[in-house]
Amino acid sequence: MPRAFGKSYNPAVFMMATVDGALACGIAEVHNTFGERKAWFLGKACLKQDHDGDAYLQLRTPKRFYVSPFS
């Protein structure tokens, strides 16, 4: 976790759900240092498979709140 002046915060939390052992959906929650947080549901439309057949979730979305002065 990033730490500054003795304080730390967790910038992202990921929760995944499985059905019969297979990845089904997830929730991604992003926090910034101003106490704001946004959550995104990653449903069936976000479910992908790589060339080895392993499942993963992918979401592309515009930046909706201040996260970093460098992005």
PDB file of N, CA and C in Angstrom:
ATOM      1  N   MET A   1       0.838  -1.184   0.000  1.00  0.00           N
ATOM      2  CA  MET A   1       0.000   0.000   0.000  1.00  0.00           C
ATOM      3  C   MET A   1       0.880   1.244   0.000  1.00  0.00           C
ATOM      4  N   PRO A   2       0.507   2.263  -0.749  1.00  0.00           N
ATOM      5  CA  PRO A   2       1.263   3.511  -0.730  1.00  0.00           C
ATOM      6  C   PRO A   2       1.236   4.146   0.663  1.00  0.00           C
ATOM      7  N   ARG A   3       2.346   4.732   1.054  1.00  0.00           N
ATOM      8  CA  ARG A   3       2.439   5.335   2.376  1.00  0.00           C
ATOM      9  C   ARG A   3       3.126   6.691   2.247  1.00  0.00           C
ATOM     10  N   ALA A   4       2.577   7.688   2.929  1.00  0.00           N
ATOM     11  CA  ALA A   4       3.183   9.016   2.954  1.00  0.00           C
ATOM     12  C   ALA A   4       2.941   9.634   4.319  1.00  0.00           C
ATOM     13  N   PHE A   5       3.973  10.166   4.917  1.00  0.00           N
ATOM     14  CA  PHE A   5       3.882  10.818   6.219  1.00  0.00           C
ATOM     15  C   PHE A   5       3.249   9.903   7.266  1.00  0.00           C
ATOM     16  N   GLY A   6       3.573   8.602   7.212  1.00  0.00           N
ATOM     17  CA  GLY A   6       3.072   7.663   8.213  1.00  0.00           C
ATOM     18  C   GLY A   6       1.646   7.202   7.985  1.00  0.00           C
ATOM     19  N   LYS A   7       0.989   7.684   6.958  1.00  0.00           N
ATOM     20  CA  LYS A   7      -0.387   7.264   6.664  1.00  0.00           C
ATOM     21  C   LYS A   7      -0.382   6.445   5.381  1.00  0.00           C
ATOM     22  N   SER A   8      -1.277   5.474   5.320  1.00  0.00           N
ATOM     23  CA  SER A   8      -1.358   4.668   4.105  1.00  0.00           C
ATOM     24  C   SER A   8      -2.807   4.567   3.657  1.00  0.00           C
ATOM     25  N   TYR A   9      -2.986   4.214   2.415  1.00  0.00           N
ATOM     26  CA  TYR A   9      -4.326   4.003   1.886  1.00  0.00           C
ATOM     27  C   TYR A   9      -4.251   2.897   0.849  1.00  0.00           C
ATOM     28  N   ASN A  10      -5.366   2.258   0.606  1.00  0.00           N
ATOM     29  CA  ASN A  10      -5.447   1.198  -0.385  1.00  0.00           C
ATOM     30  C   ASN A  10      -6.155   1.779  -1.601  1.00  0.00           C
ATOM     31  N   PRO A  11      -5.438   2.026  -2.712  1.00  0.00           N
ATOM     32  CA  PRO A  11      -6.041   2.708  -3.850  1.00  0.00           C
ATOM     33  C   PRO A  11      -7.036   1.873  -4.650  1.00  0.00           C
ATOM     34  N   ALA A  12      -7.002   0.552  -4.512  1.00  0.00           N
ATOM     35  CA  ALA A  12      -7.927  -0.280  -5.297  1.00  0.00           C
ATOM     36  C   ALA A  12      -8.281  -1.553  -4.538  1.00  0.00           C
ATOM     37  N   VAL A  13      -9.526  -1.946  -4.664  1.00  0.00           N
ATOM     38  CA  VAL A  13     -10.021  -3.192  -4.075  1.00  0.00           C
ATOM     39  C   VAL A  13     -10.721  -3.956  -5.193  1.00  0.00           C
ATOM     40  N   PHE A  14     -10.430  -5.245  -5.291  1.00  0.00           N
ATOM     41  CA  PHE A  14     -11.045  -6.090  -6.307  1.00  0.00           C
ATOM     42  C   PHE A  14     -11.734  -7.259  -5.634  1.00  0.00           C
ATOM     43  N   MET A  15     -13.000  -7.483  -5.963  1.00  0.00           N
ATOM     44  CA  MET A  15     -13.765  -8.610  -5.427  1.00  0.00           C
ATOM     45  C   MET A  15     -14.258  -9.436  -6.606  1.00  0.00           C
ATOM     46  N   MET A  16     -14.024 -10.717  -6.563  1.00  0.00           N
ATOM     47  CA  MET A  16     -14.413 -11.604  -7.660  1.00  0.00           C
ATOM     48  C   MET A  16     -15.408 -12.645  -7.158  1.00  0.00           C
ATOM     49  N   ALA A  17     -16.297 -13.078  -8.045  1.00  0.00           N
ATOM     50  CA  ALA A  17     -17.273 -14.123  -7.722  1.00  0.00           C
ATOM     51  C   ALA A  17     -17.120 -15.261  -8.722  1.00  0.00           C
ATOM     52  N   THR A  18     -17.272 -16.469  -8.225  1.00  0.00           N
ATOM     53  CA  THR A  18     -17.184 -17.641  -9.093  1.00  0.00           C
ATOM     54  C   THR A  18     -18.483 -18.429  -9.033  1.00  0.00           C
ATOM     55  N   VAL A  19     -18.748 -19.157 -10.097  1.00  0.00           N
ATOM     56  CA  VAL A  19     -19.879 -20.080 -10.158  1.00  0.00           C
ATOM     57  C   VAL A  19     -19.309 -21.418 -10.606  1.00  0.00           C
ATOM     58  N   ASP A  20     -19.477 -22.428  -9.793  1.00  0.00           N
ATOM     59  CA  ASP A  20     -18.933 -23.759 -10.088  1.00  0.00           C
ATOM     60  C   ASP A  20     -17.439 -23.707 -10.390  1.00  0.00           C
ATOM     61  N   GLY A  21     -16.716 -22.863  -9.663  1.00  0.00           N
ATOM     62  CA  GLY A  21     -15.271 -22.769  -9.815  1.00  0.00           C
ATOM     63  C   GLY A  21     -14.784 -21.916 -10.968  1.00  0.00           C
ATOM     64  N   ALA A  22     -15.693 -21.342 -11.738  1.00  0.00           N
ATOM     65  CA  ALA A  22     -15.307 -20.498 -12.878  1.00  0.00           C
ATOM     66  C   ALA A  22     -15.589 -19.030 -12.557  1.00  0.00           C
ATOM     67  N   LEU A  23     -14.700 -18.157 -12.980  1.00  0.00           N
ATOM     68  CA  LEU A  23     -14.881 -16.720 -12.782  1.00  0.00           C
ATOM     69  C   LEU A  23     -16.178 -16.259 -13.435  1.00  0.00           C
ATOM     70  N   ALA A  24     -17.010 -15.549 -12.687  1.00  0.00           N
ATOM     71  CA  ALA A  24     -18.320 -15.131 -13.202  1.00  0.00           C
ATOM     72  C   ALA A  24     -18.447 -13.614 -13.322  1.00  0.00           C
ATOM     73  N   CYS A  25     -17.997 -12.863 -12.305  1.00  0.00           N
ATOM     74  CA  CYS A  25     -18.111 -11.410 -12.323  1.00  0.00           C
ATOM     75  C   CYS A  25     -17.217 -10.832 -11.241  1.00  0.00           C
ATOM     76  N   GLY A  26     -17.156  -9.513 -11.185  1.00  0.00           N
ATOM     77  CA  GLY A  26     -16.340  -8.866 -10.178  1.00  0.00           C
ATOM     78  C   GLY A  26     -16.772  -7.433  -9.950  1.00  0.00           C
ATOM     79  N   ILE A  27     -16.202  -6.853  -8.906  1.00  0.00           N
ATOM     80  CA  ILE A  27     -16.398  -5.440  -8.595  1.00  0.00           C
ATOM     81  C   ILE A  27     -15.016  -4.847  -8.367  1.00  0.00           C
ATOM     82  N   ALA A  28     -14.746  -3.717  -9.011  1.00  0.00           N
ATOM     83  CA  ALA A  28     -13.497  -2.989  -8.809  1.00  0.00           C
ATOM     84  C   ALA A  28     -13.851  -1.663  -8.148  1.00  0.00           C
ATOM     85  N   GLU A  29     -13.213  -1.377  -7.014  1.00  0.00           N
ATOM     86  CA  GLU A  29     -13.455  -0.129  -6.299  1.00  0.00           C
ATOM     87  C   GLU A  29     -12.134   0.625  -6.220  1.00  0.00           C
ATOM     88  N   VAL A  30     -12.126   1.871  -6.704  1.00  0.00           N
ATOM     89  CA  VAL A  30     -10.918   2.693  -6.726  1.00  0.00           C
ATOM     90  C   VAL A  30     -11.095   3.861  -5.769  1.00  0.00           C
ATOM     91  N   HIS A  31     -10.063   4.126  -4.959  1.00  0.00           N
ATOM     92  CA  HIS A  31     -10.080   5.222  -3.980  1.00  0.00           C
ATOM     93  C   HIS A  31      -8.987   6.215  -4.341  1.00  0.00           C
ATOM     94  N   ASN A  32      -9.197   7.466  -3.982  1.00  0.00           N
ATOM     95  CA  ASN A  32      -8.121   8.439  -4.131  1.00  0.00           C
ATOM     96  C   ASN A  32      -7.785   9.022  -2.764  1.00  0.00           C
ATOM     97  N   THR A  33      -6.772   9.867  -2.719  1.00  0.00           N
ATOM     98  CA  THR A  33      -6.316  10.423  -1.445  1.00  0.00           C
ATOM     99  C   THR A  33      -7.240  11.499  -0.896  1.00  0.00           C
ATOM    100  N   PHE A  34      -8.276  11.875  -1.634  1.00  0.00           N
ATOM    101  CA  PHE A  34      -9.239  12.874  -1.170  1.00  0.00           C
ATOM    102  C   PHE A  34     -10.472  12.225  -0.554  1.00  0.00           C
ATOM    103  N   GLY A  35     -10.443  10.907  -0.357  1.00  0.00           N
ATOM    104  CA  GLY A  35     -11.564  10.208   0.261  1.00  0.00           C
ATOM    105  C   GLY A  35     -12.667   9.821  -0.702  1.00  0.00           C
ATOM    106  N   GLU A  36     -12.481  10.113  -1.983  1.00  0.00           N
ATOM    107  CA  GLU A  36     -13.485   9.718  -2.972  1.00  0.00           C
ATOM    108  C   GLU A  36     -13.293   8.248  -3.320  1.00  0.00           C
ATOM    109  N   ARG A  37     -14.372   7.583  -3.691  1.00  0.00           N
ATOM    110  CA  ARG A  37     -14.285   6.204  -4.163  1.00  0.00           C
ATOM    111  C   ARG A  37     -15.336   5.962  -5.228  1.00  0.00           C
ATOM    112  N   LYS A  38     -14.964   5.165  -6.193  1.00  0.00           N
ATOM    113  CA  LYS A  38     -15.863   4.790  -7.288  1.00  0.00           C
ATOM    114  C   LYS A  38     -15.813   3.279  -7.423  1.00  0.00           C
ATOM    115  N   ALA A  39     -16.947   2.688  -7.753  1.00  0.00           N
ATOM    116  CA  ALA A  39     -17.006   1.235  -7.942  1.00  0.00           C
ATOM    117  C   ALA A  39     -17.568   0.923  -9.320  1.00  0.00           C
ATOM    118  N   TRP A  40     -17.047  -0.117  -9.929  1.00  0.00           N
ATOM    119  CA  TRP A  40     -17.507  -0.583 -11.232  1.00  0.00           C
ATOM    120  C   TRP A  40     -17.844  -2.060 -11.137  1.00  0.00           C
ATOM    121  N   PHE A  41     -18.976  -2.439 -11.711  1.00  0.00           N
ATOM    122  CA  PHE A  41     -19.364  -3.845 -11.804  1.00  0.00           C
ATOM    123  C   PHE A  41     -18.786  -4.413 -13.091  1.00  0.00           C
ATOM    124  N   LEU A  42     -18.109  -5.513 -12.990  1.00  0.00           N
ATOM    125  CA  LEU A  42     -17.531  -6.181 -14.154  1.00  0.00           C
ATOM    126  C   LEU A  42     -18.329  -7.451 -14.393  1.00  0.00           C
ATOM    127  N   GLY A  43     -19.309  -7.339 -15.262  1.00  0.00           N
ATOM    128  CA  GLY A  43     -20.220  -8.448 -15.532  1.00  0.00           C
ATOM    129  C   GLY A  43     -19.779  -9.299 -16.709  1.00  0.00           C
ATOM    130  N   LYS A  44     -20.724 -10.004 -17.260  1.00  0.00           N
ATOM    131  CA  LYS A  44     -20.454 -10.961 -18.339  1.00  0.00           C
ATOM    132  C   LYS A  44     -19.773 -10.308 -19.543  1.00  0.00           C
ATOM    133  N   ALA A  45     -20.121  -9.067 -19.852  1.00  0.00           N
ATOM    134  CA  ALA A  45     -19.518  -8.376 -20.997  1.00  0.00           C
ATOM    135  C   ALA A  45     -18.022  -8.125 -20.787  1.00  0.00           C
ATOM    136  N   CYS A  46     -17.557  -8.119 -19.544  1.00  0.00           N
ATOM    137  CA  CYS A  46     -16.146  -7.871 -19.232  1.00  0.00           C
ATOM    138  C   CYS A  46     -15.325  -9.156 -19.154  1.00  0.00           C
ATOM    139  N   LEU A  47     -15.981 -10.291 -19.187  1.00  0.00           N
ATOM    140  CA  LEU A  47     -15.307 -11.583 -19.047  1.00  0.00           C
ATOM    141  C   LEU A  47     -14.587 -11.951 -20.341  1.00  0.00           C
ATOM    142  N   LYS A  48     -13.297 -12.210 -20.240  1.00  0.00           N
ATOM    143  CA  LYS A  48     -12.456 -12.544 -21.398  1.00  0.00           C
ATOM    144  C   LYS A  48     -11.691 -13.835 -21.106  1.00  0.00           C
ATOM    145  N   GLN A  49     -11.076 -14.393 -22.149  1.00  0.00           N
ATOM    146  CA  GLN A  49     -10.208 -15.558 -22.000  1.00  0.00           C
ATOM    147  C   GLN A  49      -8.909 -15.300 -22.736  1.00  0.00           C
ATOM    148  N   ASP A  50      -7.782 -15.662 -22.097  1.00  0.00           N
ATOM    149  CA  ASP A  50      -6.506 -15.511 -22.792  1.00  0.00           C
ATOM    150  C   ASP A  50      -6.247 -16.729 -23.673  1.00  0.00           C
ATOM    151  N   HIS A  51      -5.122 -16.731 -24.373  1.00  0.00           N
ATOM    152  CA  HIS A  51      -4.834 -17.808 -25.320  1.00  0.00           C
ATOM    153  C   HIS A  51      -4.607 -19.162 -24.646  1.00  0.00           C
ATOM    154  N   ASP A  52      -4.368 -19.175 -23.321  1.00  0.00           N
ATOM    155  CA  ASP A  52      -4.236 -20.429 -22.574  1.00  0.00           C
ATOM    156  C   ASP A  52      -5.574 -20.925 -22.043  1.00  0.00           C
ATOM    157  N   GLY A  53      -6.632 -20.139 -22.253  1.00  0.00           N
ATOM    158  CA  GLY A  53      -7.956 -20.527 -21.781  1.00  0.00           C
ATOM    159  C   GLY A  53      -8.286 -20.038 -20.380  1.00  0.00           C
ATOM    160  N   ASP A  54      -7.384 -19.253 -19.764  1.00  0.00           N
ATOM    161  CA  ASP A  54      -7.635 -18.713 -18.427  1.00  0.00           C
ATOM    162  C   ASP A  54      -8.559 -17.502 -18.519  1.00  0.00           C
ATOM    163  N   ALA A  55      -9.521 -17.430 -17.620  1.00  0.00           N
ATOM    164  CA  ALA A  55     -10.491 -16.331 -17.622  1.00  0.00           C
ATOM    165  C   ALA A  55      -9.937 -15.121 -16.875  1.00  0.00           C
ATOM    166  N   TYR A  56     -10.319 -13.932 -17.334  1.00  0.00           N
ATOM    167  CA  TYR A  56      -9.990 -12.696 -16.640  1.00  0.00           C
ATOM    168  C   TYR A  56     -11.069 -11.667 -16.955  1.00  0.00           C
ATOM    169  N   LEU A  57     -11.101 -10.605 -16.153  1.00  0.00           N
ATOM    170  CA  LEU A  57     -12.063  -9.524 -16.357  1.00  0.00           C
ATOM    171  C   LEU A  57     -11.321  -8.294 -16.857  1.00  0.00           C
ATOM    172  N   GLN A  58     -11.912  -7.596 -17.828  1.00  0.00           N
ATOM    173  CA  GLN A  58     -11.292  -6.393 -18.384  1.00  0.00           C
ATOM    174  C   GLN A  58     -12.355  -5.321 -18.576  1.00  0.00           C
ATOM    175  N   LEU A  59     -12.040  -4.107 -18.122  1.00  0.00           N
ATOM    176  CA  LEU A  59     -12.952  -2.979 -18.284  1.00  0.00           C
ATOM    177  C   LEU A  59     -12.141  -1.750 -18.658  1.00  0.00           C
ATOM    178  N   ARG A  60     -12.578  -1.050 -19.669  1.00  0.00           N
ATOM    179  CA  ARG A  60     -11.988   0.244 -20.038  1.00  0.00           C
ATOM    180  C   ARG A  60     -13.068   1.293 -19.831  1.00  0.00           C
ATOM    181  N   THR A  61     -12.713   2.342 -19.096  1.00  0.00           N
ATOM    182  CA  THR A  61     -13.675   3.396 -18.798  1.00  0.00           C
ATOM    183  C   THR A  61     -12.934   4.727 -18.676  1.00  0.00           C
ATOM    184  N   PRO A  62     -13.572   5.826 -19.019  1.00  0.00           N
ATOM    185  CA  PRO A  62     -12.920   7.131 -18.851  1.00  0.00           C
ATOM    186  C   PRO A  62     -12.652   7.423 -17.374  1.00  0.00           C
ATOM    187  N   LYS A  63     -11.614   8.197 -17.121  1.00  0.00           N
ATOM    188  CA  LYS A  63     -11.301   8.610 -15.757  1.00  0.00           C
ATOM    189  C   LYS A  63     -12.408   9.540 -15.275  1.00  0.00           C
ATOM    190  N   ARG A  64     -12.988   9.247 -14.115  1.00  0.00           N
ATOM    191  CA  ARG A  64     -14.147  10.002 -13.632  1.00  0.00           C
ATOM    192  C   ARG A  64     -13.860  10.860 -12.396  1.00  0.00           C
ATOM    193  N   PHE A  65     -12.683  10.706 -11.817  1.00  0.00           N
ATOM    194  CA  PHE A  65     -12.348  11.553 -10.681  1.00  0.00           C
ATOM    195  C   PHE A  65     -10.829  11.627 -10.537  1.00  0.00           C
ATOM    196  N   TYR A  66     -10.362  12.591  -9.747  1.00  0.00           N
ATOM    197  CA  TYR A  66      -8.936  12.864  -9.616  1.00  0.00           C
ATOM    198  C   TYR A  66      -8.230  11.702  -8.927  1.00  0.00           C
ATOM    199  N   VAL A  67      -7.229  11.133  -9.605  1.00  0.00           N
ATOM    200  CA  VAL A  67      -6.478  10.025  -9.018  1.00  0.00           C
ATOM    201  C   VAL A  67      -5.008  10.388  -8.862  1.00  0.00           C
ATOM    202  N   SER A  68      -4.409  11.026  -9.857  1.00  0.00           N
ATOM    203  CA  SER A  68      -2.979  11.292  -9.817  1.00  0.00           C
ATOM    204  C   SER A  68      -2.655  12.550 -10.621  1.00  0.00           C
ATOM    205  N   PRO A  69      -1.673  13.312 -10.174  1.00  0.00           N
ATOM    206  CA  PRO A  69      -1.268  14.471 -10.967  1.00  0.00           C
ATOM    207  C   PRO A  69      -0.493  14.064 -12.218  1.00  0.00           C
ATOM    208  N   PHE A  70      -0.117  12.796 -12.330  1.00  0.00           N
ATOM    209  CA  PHE A  70       0.711  12.330 -13.441  1.00  0.00           C
ATOM    210  C   PHE A  70      -0.078  11.611 -14.523  1.00  0.00           C
ATOM    211  N   SER A  71      -1.410  11.519 -14.406  1.00  0.00           N
ATOM    212  CA  SER A  71      -2.183  10.823 -15.443  1.00  0.00           C
ATOM    213  C   SER A  71      -3.293  11.690 -15.978  1.00  0.00           C
TER     214      SER A  71
END
